[in-house]
PDB file of all heavy atoms in Angstrom:
ATOM      1  N   ASN A   1     114.273  82.833  99.074  1.00  0.00           N
ATOM      2  CA  ASN A   1     115.154  81.867  98.500  1.00  0.00           C
ATOM      3  C   ASN A   1     116.547  82.359  98.345  1.00  0.00           C
ATOM      4  O   ASN A   1     116.794  83.439  97.837  1.00  0.00           O
ATOM      5  CB  ASN A   1     114.609  81.409  97.116  1.00  0.00           C
ATOM      6  CG  ASN A   1     113.217  80.967  97.203  1.00  0.00           C
ATOM      7  OD1 ASN A   1     112.384  81.453  97.960  1.00  0.00           O
ATOM      8  ND2 ASN A   1     112.864  80.051  96.307  1.00  0.00           N
ATOM      9  N   ILE A   2     117.549  81.568  98.749  1.00  0.00           N
ATOM     10  CA  ILE A   2     118.945  81.844  98.592  1.00  0.00           C
ATOM     11  C   ILE A   2     119.684  80.587  98.111  1.00  0.00           C
ATOM     12  O   ILE A   2     119.190  79.523  98.159  1.00  0.00           O
ATOM     13  CB  ILE A   2     119.616  82.390  99.878  1.00  0.00           C
ATOM     14  CG1 ILE A   2     119.531  81.330 101.009  1.00  0.00           C
ATOM     15  CG2 ILE A   2     118.993  83.687 100.313  1.00  0.00           C
ATOM     16  CD1 ILE A   2     120.388  81.691 102.250  1.00  0.00           C
ATOM     17  N   VAL A   3     120.863  80.785  97.581  1.00  0.00           N
ATOM     18  CA  VAL A   3     121.725  79.681  97.190  1.00  0.00           C
ATOM     19  C   VAL A   3     122.886  79.623  98.233  1.00  0.00           C
ATOM     20  O   VAL A   3     123.608  80.604  98.324  1.00  0.00           O
ATOM     21  CB  VAL A   3     122.284  79.766  95.773  1.00  0.00           C
ATOM     22  CG1 VAL A   3     123.269  78.669  95.543  1.00  0.00           C
ATOM     23  CG2 VAL A   3     121.125  79.783  94.730  1.00  0.00           C
ATOM     24  N   SER A   4     122.912  78.546  98.995  1.00  0.00           N
ATOM     25  CA  SER A   4     124.027  78.385  99.981  1.00  0.00           C
ATOM     26  C   SER A   4     125.303  78.035  99.225  1.00  0.00           C
ATOM     27  O   SER A   4     125.242  77.398  98.217  1.00  0.00           O
ATOM     28  CB  SER A   4     123.645  77.351 101.023  1.00  0.00           C
ATOM     29  OG  SER A   4     122.498  77.685 101.742  1.00  0.00           O
ATOM     30  N   ASP A   5     126.385  78.388  99.834  1.00  0.00           N
ATOM     31  CA  ASP A   5     127.638  78.086  99.161  1.00  0.00           C
ATOM     32  C   ASP A   5     127.989  76.599  99.393  1.00  0.00           C
ATOM     33  O   ASP A   5     127.376  75.952 100.241  1.00  0.00           O
ATOM     34  CB  ASP A   5     128.840  78.978  99.618  1.00  0.00           C
ATOM     35  CG  ASP A   5     129.188  78.863 101.111  1.00  0.00           C
ATOM     36  OD1 ASP A   5     128.952  77.814 101.723  1.00  0.00           O
ATOM     37  OD2 ASP A   5     129.655  79.881 101.644  1.00  0.00           O
ATOM     38  N   ARG A   6     128.936  76.130  98.613  1.00  0.00           N
ATOM     39  CA  ARG A   6     129.323  74.675  98.629  1.00  0.00           C
ATOM     40  C   ARG A   6     129.754  74.257 100.105  1.00  0.00           C
ATOM     41  O   ARG A   6     129.430  73.169 100.467  1.00  0.00           O
ATOM     42  CB  ARG A   6     130.453  74.432  97.700  1.00  0.00           C
ATOM     43  CG  ARG A   6     130.032  74.312  96.230  1.00  0.00           C
ATOM     44  CD  ARG A   6     131.211  74.093  95.327  1.00  0.00           C
ATOM     45  NE  ARG A   6     130.755  73.816  93.941  1.00  0.00           N
ATOM     46  CZ  ARG A   6     130.557  72.661  93.481  1.00  0.00           C
ATOM     47  NH1 ARG A   6     130.687  71.584  94.251  1.00  0.00           N
ATOM     48  NH2 ARG A   6     130.254  72.534  92.239  1.00  0.00           N
ATOM     49  N   ARG A   7     130.498  75.087 100.714  1.00  0.00           N
ATOM     50  CA  ARG A   7     130.940  74.761 102.119  1.00  0.00           C
ATOM     51  C   ARG A   7     129.771  74.449 102.972  1.00  0.00           C
ATOM     52  O   ARG A   7     129.724  73.447 103.796  1.00  0.00           O
ATOM     53  CB  ARG A   7     131.799  75.864 102.665  1.00  0.00           C
ATOM     54  CG  ARG A   7     132.239  75.667 104.104  1.00  0.00           C
ATOM     55  CD  ARG A   7     133.260  74.631 104.393  1.00  0.00           C
ATOM     56  NE  ARG A   7     134.506  74.856 103.639  1.00  0.00           N
ATOM     57  CZ  ARG A   7     135.339  73.952 103.368  1.00  0.00           C
ATOM     58  NH1 ARG A   7     135.145  72.731 103.761  1.00  0.00           N
ATOM     59  NH2 ARG A   7     136.474  74.271 102.698  1.00  0.00           N
ATOM     60  N   GLU A   8     128.751  75.331 102.977  1.00  0.00           N
ATOM     61  CA  GLU A   8     127.614  75.173 103.858  1.00  0.00           C
ATOM     62  C   GLU A   8     126.835  73.837 103.480  1.00  0.00           C
ATOM     63  O   GLU A   8     126.467  73.118 104.389  1.00  0.00           O
ATOM     64  CB  GLU A   8     126.633  76.331 103.708  1.00  0.00           C
ATOM     65  CG  GLU A   8     125.421  76.162 104.647  1.00  0.00           C
ATOM     66  CD  GLU A   8     124.479  77.408 104.555  1.00  0.00           C
ATOM     67  OE1 GLU A   8     124.843  78.400 103.969  1.00  0.00           O
ATOM     68  OE2 GLU A   8     123.411  77.321 105.153  1.00  0.00           O
ATOM     69  N   ILE A   9     126.711  73.608 102.252  1.00  0.00           N
ATOM     70  CA  ILE A   9     125.973  72.445 101.785  1.00  0.00           C
ATOM     71  C   ILE A   9     126.765  71.118 102.193  1.00  0.00           C
ATOM     72  O   ILE A   9     126.213  70.132 102.733  1.00  0.00           O
ATOM     73  CB  ILE A   9     125.670  72.414 100.307  1.00  0.00           C
ATOM     74  CG1 ILE A   9     124.782  73.588  99.936  1.00  0.00           C
ATOM     75  CG2 ILE A   9     125.037  71.083  99.838  1.00  0.00           C
ATOM     76  CD1 ILE A   9     123.501  73.700 100.844  1.00  0.00           C
ATOM     77  N   HIS A  10     128.060  71.185 102.030  1.00  0.00           N
ATOM     78  CA  HIS A  10     128.979  70.079 102.447  1.00  0.00           C
ATOM     79  C   HIS A  10     128.775  69.842 103.895  1.00  0.00           C
ATOM     80  O   HIS A  10     128.667  68.710 104.389  1.00  0.00           O
ATOM     81  CB  HIS A  10     130.441  70.424 102.093  1.00  0.00           C
ATOM     82  CG  HIS A  10     131.389  69.468 102.730  1.00  0.00           C
ATOM     83  ND1 HIS A  10     131.631  68.245 102.129  1.00  0.00           N
ATOM     84  CD2 HIS A  10     132.190  69.586 103.795  1.00  0.00           C
ATOM     85  CE1 HIS A  10     132.498  67.600 102.856  1.00  0.00           C
ATOM     86  NE2 HIS A  10     132.907  68.402 103.834  1.00  0.00           N
ATOM     87  N   ASP A  11     128.721  70.906 104.756  1.00  0.00           N
ATOM     88  CA  ASP A  11     128.553  70.798 106.210  1.00  0.00           C
ATOM     89  C   ASP A  11     127.183  70.240 106.580  1.00  0.00           C
ATOM     90  O   ASP A  11     127.101  69.379 107.502  1.00  0.00           O
ATOM     91  CB  ASP A  11     128.741  72.106 106.832  1.00  0.00           C
ATOM     92  CG  ASP A  11     130.204  72.630 106.847  1.00  0.00           C
ATOM     93  OD1 ASP A  11     131.101  71.814 106.533  1.00  0.00           O
ATOM     94  OD2 ASP A  11     130.458  73.791 107.135  1.00  0.00           O
ATOM     95  N   ILE A  12     126.200  70.616 105.837  1.00  0.00           N
ATOM     96  CA  ILE A  12     124.772  70.080 106.064  1.00  0.00           C
ATOM     97  C   ILE A  12     124.799  68.573 105.779  1.00  0.00           C
ATOM     98  O   ILE A  12     124.235  67.794 106.520  1.00  0.00           O
ATOM     99  CB  ILE A  12     123.779  70.846 105.277  1.00  0.00           C
ATOM    100  CG1 ILE A  12     123.554  72.253 105.889  1.00  0.00           C
ATOM    101  CG2 ILE A  12     122.400  70.143 105.222  1.00  0.00           C
ATOM    102  CD1 ILE A  12     123.101  72.233 107.358  1.00  0.00           C
ATOM    103  N   LEU A  13     125.347  68.156 104.603  1.00  0.00           N
ATOM    104  CA  LEU A  13     125.351  66.791 104.311  1.00  0.00           C
ATOM    105  C   LEU A  13     126.185  65.973 105.302  1.00  0.00           C
ATOM    106  O   LEU A  13     125.778  64.838 105.667  1.00  0.00           O
ATOM    107  CB  LEU A  13     125.972  66.641 102.827  1.00  0.00           C
ATOM    108  CG  LEU A  13     125.112  67.201 101.750  1.00  0.00           C
ATOM    109  CD1 LEU A  13     125.880  67.112 100.442  1.00  0.00           C
ATOM    110  CD2 LEU A  13     123.765  66.493 101.607  1.00  0.00           C
ATOM    111  N   LYS A  14     127.215  66.545 105.813  1.00  0.00           N
ATOM    112  CA  LYS A  14     127.979  65.892 106.855  1.00  0.00           C
ATOM    113  C   LYS A  14     127.171  65.758 108.132  1.00  0.00           C
ATOM    114  O   LYS A  14     127.267  64.769 108.810  1.00  0.00           O
ATOM    115  CB  LYS A  14     129.280  66.765 107.107  1.00  0.00           C
ATOM    116  CG  LYS A  14     130.386  66.061 107.777  1.00  0.00           C
ATOM    117  CD  LYS A  14     131.624  66.864 107.704  1.00  0.00           C
ATOM    118  CE  LYS A  14     132.501  66.655 108.901  1.00  0.00           C
ATOM    119  NZ  LYS A  14     133.672  67.526 108.904  1.00  0.00           N
ATOM    120  N   SER A  15     126.430  66.764 108.475  1.00  0.00           N
ATOM    121  CA  SER A  15     125.544  66.748 109.635  1.00  0.00           C
ATOM    122  C   SER A  15     124.484  65.645 109.575  1.00  0.00           C
ATOM    123  O   SER A  15     124.244  65.007 110.532  1.00  0.00           O
ATOM    124  CB  SER A  15     124.814  68.073 109.805  1.00  0.00           C
ATOM    125  OG  SER A  15     125.760  69.093 110.252  1.00  0.00           O
ATOM    126  N   ILE A  16     123.852  65.424 108.298  1.00  0.00           N
ATOM    127  CA  ILE A  16     122.966  64.385 108.190  1.00  0.00           C
ATOM    128  C   ILE A  16     123.583  63.064 108.553  1.00  0.00           C
ATOM    129  O   ILE A  16     123.010  62.275 109.319  1.00  0.00           O
ATOM    130  CB  ILE A  16     122.434  64.414 106.713  1.00  0.00           C
ATOM    131  CG1 ILE A  16     121.572  65.575 106.372  1.00  0.00           C
ATOM    132  CG2 ILE A  16     121.632  63.042 106.482  1.00  0.00           C
ATOM    133  CD1 ILE A  16     121.231  65.751 104.944  1.00  0.00           C
ATOM    134  N   HIS A  17     124.761  62.798 108.021  1.00  0.00           N
ATOM    135  CA  HIS A  17     125.436  61.532 108.335  1.00  0.00           C
ATOM    136  C   HIS A  17     125.739  61.434 109.876  1.00  0.00           C
ATOM    137  O   HIS A  17     125.548  60.379 110.410  1.00  0.00           O
ATOM    138  CB  HIS A  17     126.739  61.377 107.520  1.00  0.00           C
ATOM    139  CG  HIS A  17     126.467  61.001 106.110  1.00  0.00           C
ATOM    140  ND1 HIS A  17     126.411  59.741 105.683  1.00  0.00           N
ATOM    141  CD2 HIS A  17     126.117  61.829 104.977  1.00  0.00           C
ATOM    142  CE1 HIS A  17     126.153  59.719 104.368  1.00  0.00           C
ATOM    143  NE2 HIS A  17     126.009  60.929 103.988  1.00  0.00           N
ATOM    144  N   SER A  18     126.160  62.467 110.430  1.00  0.00           N
ATOM    145  CA  SER A  18     126.495  62.486 111.819  1.00  0.00           C
ATOM    146  C   SER A  18     125.306  62.177 112.714  1.00  0.00           C
ATOM    147  O   SER A  18     125.344  61.430 113.668  1.00  0.00           O
ATOM    148  CB  SER A  18     127.138  63.851 112.229  1.00  0.00           C
ATOM    149  OG  SER A  18     127.370  63.924 113.606  1.00  0.00           O
ATOM    150  N   ILE A  19     124.151  62.817 112.327  1.00  0.00           N
ATOM    151  CA  ILE A  19     122.948  62.609 113.087  1.00  0.00           C
ATOM    152  C   ILE A  19     122.481  61.164 113.082  1.00  0.00           C
ATOM    153  O   ILE A  19     122.200  60.601 114.094  1.00  0.00           O
ATOM    154  CB  ILE A  19     121.855  63.510 112.599  1.00  0.00           C
ATOM    155  CG1 ILE A  19     122.110  64.980 113.000  1.00  0.00           C
ATOM    156  CG2 ILE A  19     120.434  63.126 113.188  1.00  0.00           C
ATOM    157  CD1 ILE A  19     121.254  66.029 112.257  1.00  0.00           C
ATOM    158  N   PHE A  20     122.477  60.629 111.882  1.00  0.00           N
ATOM    159  CA  PHE A  20     121.993  59.206 111.763  1.00  0.00           C
ATOM    160  C   PHE A  20     123.049  58.179 112.216  1.00  0.00           C
ATOM    161  O   PHE A  20     122.767  57.097 112.649  1.00  0.00           O
ATOM    162  CB  PHE A  20     121.567  58.898 110.301  1.00  0.00           C
ATOM    163  CG  PHE A  20     120.347  59.631 109.928  1.00  0.00           C
ATOM    164  CD1 PHE A  20     120.270  60.394 108.788  1.00  0.00           C
ATOM    165  CD2 PHE A  20     119.124  59.572 110.715  1.00  0.00           C
ATOM    166  CE1 PHE A  20     119.186  61.067 108.434  1.00  0.00           C
ATOM    167  CE2 PHE A  20     118.036  60.283 110.347  1.00  0.00           C
ATOM    168  CZ  PHE A  20     118.011  61.015 109.181  1.00  0.00           C
ATOM    169  N   ASP A  21     124.370  58.553 112.218  1.00  0.00           N
ATOM    170  CA  ASP A  21     125.383  57.663 112.668  1.00  0.00           C
ATOM    171  C   ASP A  21     125.404  57.536 114.206  1.00  0.00           C
ATOM    172  O   ASP A  21     125.628  56.491 114.750  1.00  0.00           O
ATOM    173  CB  ASP A  21     126.745  58.138 112.199  1.00  0.00           C
ATOM    174  CG  ASP A  21     127.039  57.866 110.767  1.00  0.00           C
ATOM    175  OD1 ASP A  21     126.247  57.105 110.065  1.00  0.00           O
ATOM    176  OD2 ASP A  21     128.051  58.413 110.157  1.00  0.00           O
ATOM    177  N   LYS A  22     125.082  58.667 114.838  1.00  0.00           N
ATOM    178  CA  LYS A  22     125.101  58.738 116.304  1.00  0.00           C
ATOM    179  C   LYS A  22     123.960  57.977 116.915  1.00  0.00           C
ATOM    180  O   LYS A  22     124.026  57.572 118.062  1.00  0.00           O
ATOM    181  CB  LYS A  22     125.173  60.150 116.817  1.00  0.00           C
ATOM    182  CG  LYS A  22     126.505  60.821 116.638  1.00  0.00           C
ATOM    183  CD  LYS A  22     126.552  62.183 117.154  1.00  0.00           C
ATOM    184  CE  LYS A  22     127.905  62.831 116.940  1.00  0.00           C
ATOM    185  NZ  LYS A  22     127.933  64.209 117.292  1.00  0.00           N
ATOM    186  N   ASN A  23     122.830  57.942 116.216  1.00  0.00           N
ATOM    187  CA  ASN A  23     121.593  57.382 116.787  1.00  0.00           C
ATOM    188  C   ASN A  23     120.821  56.701 115.704  1.00  0.00           C
ATOM    189  O   ASN A  23     120.364  57.289 114.837  1.00  0.00           O
ATOM    190  CB  ASN A  23     120.723  58.488 117.450  1.00  0.00           C
ATOM    191  CG  ASN A  23     119.581  57.963 118.213  1.00  0.00           C
ATOM    192  OD1 ASN A  23     119.183  56.801 118.093  1.00  0.00           O
ATOM    193  ND2 ASN A  23     119.044  58.813 119.057  1.00  0.00           N
ATOM    194  N   SER A  24     120.755  55.293 115.826  1.00  0.00           N
ATOM    195  CA  SER A  24     120.056  54.615 114.862  1.00  0.00           C
ATOM    196  C   SER A  24     118.543  54.503 115.005  1.00  0.00           C
ATOM    197  O   SER A  24     117.804  53.971 114.205  1.00  0.00           O
ATOM    198  CB  SER A  24     120.608  53.192 114.721  1.00  0.00           C
ATOM    199  OG  SER A  24     120.422  52.540 115.990  1.00  0.00           O
ATOM    200  N   ASN A  25     118.039  55.140 116.129  1.00  0.00           N
ATOM    201  CA  ASN A  25     116.574  55.153 116.357  1.00  0.00           C
ATOM    202  C   ASN A  25     115.938  56.223 115.539  1.00  0.00           C
ATOM    203  O   ASN A  25     116.011  57.435 115.871  1.00  0.00           O
ATOM    204  CB  ASN A  25     116.371  55.391 117.846  1.00  0.00           C
ATOM    205  CG  ASN A  25     114.875  55.297 118.243  1.00  0.00           C
ATOM    206  OD1 ASN A  25     114.010  55.423 117.395  1.00  0.00           O
ATOM    207  ND2 ASN A  25     114.616  55.167 119.491  1.00  0.00           N
ATOM    208  N   ILE A  26     115.256  55.805 114.514  1.00  0.00           N
ATOM    209  CA  ILE A  26     114.648  56.778 113.534  1.00  0.00           C
ATOM    210  C   ILE A  26     113.693  57.750 114.213  1.00  0.00           C
ATOM    211  O   ILE A  26     113.618  58.883 113.908  1.00  0.00           O
ATOM    212  CB  ILE A  26     113.980  56.033 112.334  1.00  0.00           C
ATOM    213  CG1 ILE A  26     115.115  55.371 111.481  1.00  0.00           C
ATOM    214  CG2 ILE A  26     113.119  56.977 111.471  1.00  0.00           C
ATOM    215  CD1 ILE A  26     114.540  54.547 110.372  1.00  0.00           C
ATOM    216  N   ASP A  27     112.975  57.233 115.218  1.00  0.00           N
ATOM    217  CA  ASP A  27     111.984  58.065 115.946  1.00  0.00           C
ATOM    218  C   ASP A  27     112.704  59.272 116.639  1.00  0.00           C
ATOM    219  O   ASP A  27     112.064  60.264 116.892  1.00  0.00           O
ATOM    220  CB  ASP A  27     111.224  57.277 116.955  1.00  0.00           C
ATOM    221  CG  ASP A  27     110.219  56.297 116.326  1.00  0.00           C
ATOM    222  OD1 ASP A  27     109.832  56.540 115.124  1.00  0.00           O
ATOM    223  OD2 ASP A  27     109.898  55.281 116.973  1.00  0.00           O
ATOM    224  N   GLU A  28     113.955  59.091 116.959  1.00  0.00           N
ATOM    225  CA  GLU A  28     114.672  60.186 117.677  1.00  0.00           C
ATOM    226  C   GLU A  28     115.510  61.038 116.671  1.00  0.00           C
ATOM    227  O   GLU A  28     115.973  62.080 117.088  1.00  0.00           O
ATOM    228  CB  GLU A  28     115.616  59.528 118.695  1.00  0.00           C
ATOM    229  CG  GLU A  28     114.861  58.872 119.864  1.00  0.00           C
ATOM    230  CD  GLU A  28     115.828  58.213 120.834  1.00  0.00           C
ATOM    231  OE1 GLU A  28     117.058  58.363 120.720  1.00  0.00           O
ATOM    232  OE2 GLU A  28     115.263  57.551 121.730  1.00  0.00           O
ATOM    233  N   THR A  29     115.641  60.627 115.457  1.00  0.00           N
ATOM    234  CA  THR A  29     116.521  61.312 114.502  1.00  0.00           C
ATOM    235  C   THR A  29     115.763  61.930 113.321  1.00  0.00           C
ATOM    236  O   THR A  29     116.268  62.824 112.671  1.00  0.00           O
ATOM    237  CB  THR A  29     117.641  60.484 113.980  1.00  0.00           C
ATOM    238  OG1 THR A  29     117.071  59.291 113.411  1.00  0.00           O
ATOM    239  CG2 THR A  29     118.660  60.125 115.112  1.00  0.00           C
ATOM    240  N   LEU A  30     114.540  61.452 113.044  1.00  0.00           N
ATOM    241  CA  LEU A  30     113.818  61.905 111.887  1.00  0.00           C
ATOM    242  C   LEU A  30     112.367  62.202 112.240  1.00  0.00           C
ATOM    243  O   LEU A  30     111.657  61.356 112.857  1.00  0.00           O
ATOM    244  CB  LEU A  30     113.811  60.849 110.764  1.00  0.00           C
ATOM    245  CG  LEU A  30     112.980  61.216 109.528  1.00  0.00           C
ATOM    246  CD1 LEU A  30     113.588  62.341 108.728  1.00  0.00           C
ATOM    247  CD2 LEU A  30     112.787  59.995 108.609  1.00  0.00           C
ATOM    248  N   GLN A  31     111.928  63.391 111.967  1.00  0.00           N
ATOM    249  CA  GLN A  31     110.479  63.738 112.094  1.00  0.00           C
ATOM    250  C   GLN A  31     109.964  63.989 110.662  1.00  0.00           C
ATOM    251  O   GLN A  31     110.456  64.897 109.987  1.00  0.00           O
ATOM    252  CB  GLN A  31     110.331  64.997 112.905  1.00  0.00           C
ATOM    253  CG  GLN A  31     108.806  65.337 113.107  1.00  0.00           C
ATOM    254  CD  GLN A  31     108.576  66.585 113.902  1.00  0.00           C
ATOM    255  OE1 GLN A  31     109.479  67.192 114.542  1.00  0.00           O
ATOM    256  NE2 GLN A  31     107.343  67.041 113.990  1.00  0.00           N
ATOM    257  N   PHE A  32     109.086  63.125 110.210  1.00  0.00           N
ATOM    258  CA  PHE A  32     108.533  63.278 108.843  1.00  0.00           C
ATOM    259  C   PHE A  32     107.177  63.897 108.976  1.00  0.00           C
ATOM    260  O   PHE A  32     106.276  63.459 109.659  1.00  0.00           O
ATOM    261  CB  PHE A  32     108.436  61.799 108.260  1.00  0.00           C
ATOM    262  CG  PHE A  32     107.813  61.778 106.898  1.00  0.00           C
ATOM    263  CD1 PHE A  32     108.541  62.264 105.778  1.00  0.00           C
ATOM    264  CD2 PHE A  32     106.543  61.328 106.685  1.00  0.00           C
ATOM    265  CE1 PHE A  32     107.953  62.217 104.522  1.00  0.00           C
ATOM    266  CE2 PHE A  32     105.937  61.292 105.413  1.00  0.00           C
ATOM    267  CZ  PHE A  32     106.696  61.741 104.392  1.00  0.00           C
ATOM    268  N   ILE A  33     107.046  65.053 108.245  1.00  0.00           N
ATOM    269  CA  ILE A  33     105.774  65.700 108.230  1.00  0.00           C
ATOM    270  C   ILE A  33     104.852  65.038 107.232  1.00  0.00           C
ATOM    271  O   ILE A  33     105.110  65.120 106.026  1.00  0.00           O
ATOM    272  CB  ILE A  33     105.899  67.224 107.904  1.00  0.00           C
ATOM    273  CG1 ILE A  33     107.037  67.919 108.830  1.00  0.00           C
ATOM    274  CG2 ILE A  33     104.655  67.985 107.901  1.00  0.00           C
ATOM    275  CD1 ILE A  33     106.653  67.903 110.294  1.00  0.00           C
ATOM    276  N   ALA A  34     103.852  64.410 107.736  1.00  0.00           N
ATOM    277  CA  ALA A  34     103.012  63.583 106.856  1.00  0.00           C
ATOM    278  C   ALA A  34     101.881  64.350 106.179  1.00  0.00           C
ATOM    279  O   ALA A  34     100.672  64.084 106.495  1.00  0.00           O
ATOM    280  CB  ALA A  34     102.433  62.378 107.690  1.00  0.00           C
ATOM    281  N   THR A  35     102.156  65.294 105.293  1.00  0.00           N
ATOM    282  CA  THR A  35     101.207  65.925 104.538  1.00  0.00           C
ATOM    283  C   THR A  35     100.617  64.974 103.500  1.00  0.00           C
ATOM    284  O   THR A  35     101.165  63.889 103.237  1.00  0.00           O
ATOM    285  CB  THR A  35     101.743  67.186 103.762  1.00  0.00           C
ATOM    286  OG1 THR A  35     102.681  66.618 102.807  1.00  0.00           O
ATOM    287  CG2 THR A  35     102.404  68.171 104.684  1.00  0.00           C
TER     288      THR A  35
END
């Protein structure tokens, strides 16, 4: 376990938006592990 710095978390949150903005097909952008 580590704590990522604010810049890295900001970049990850930005990546989430970018991934879903570029492709609205959930099957191609989200894999949900159904435990």
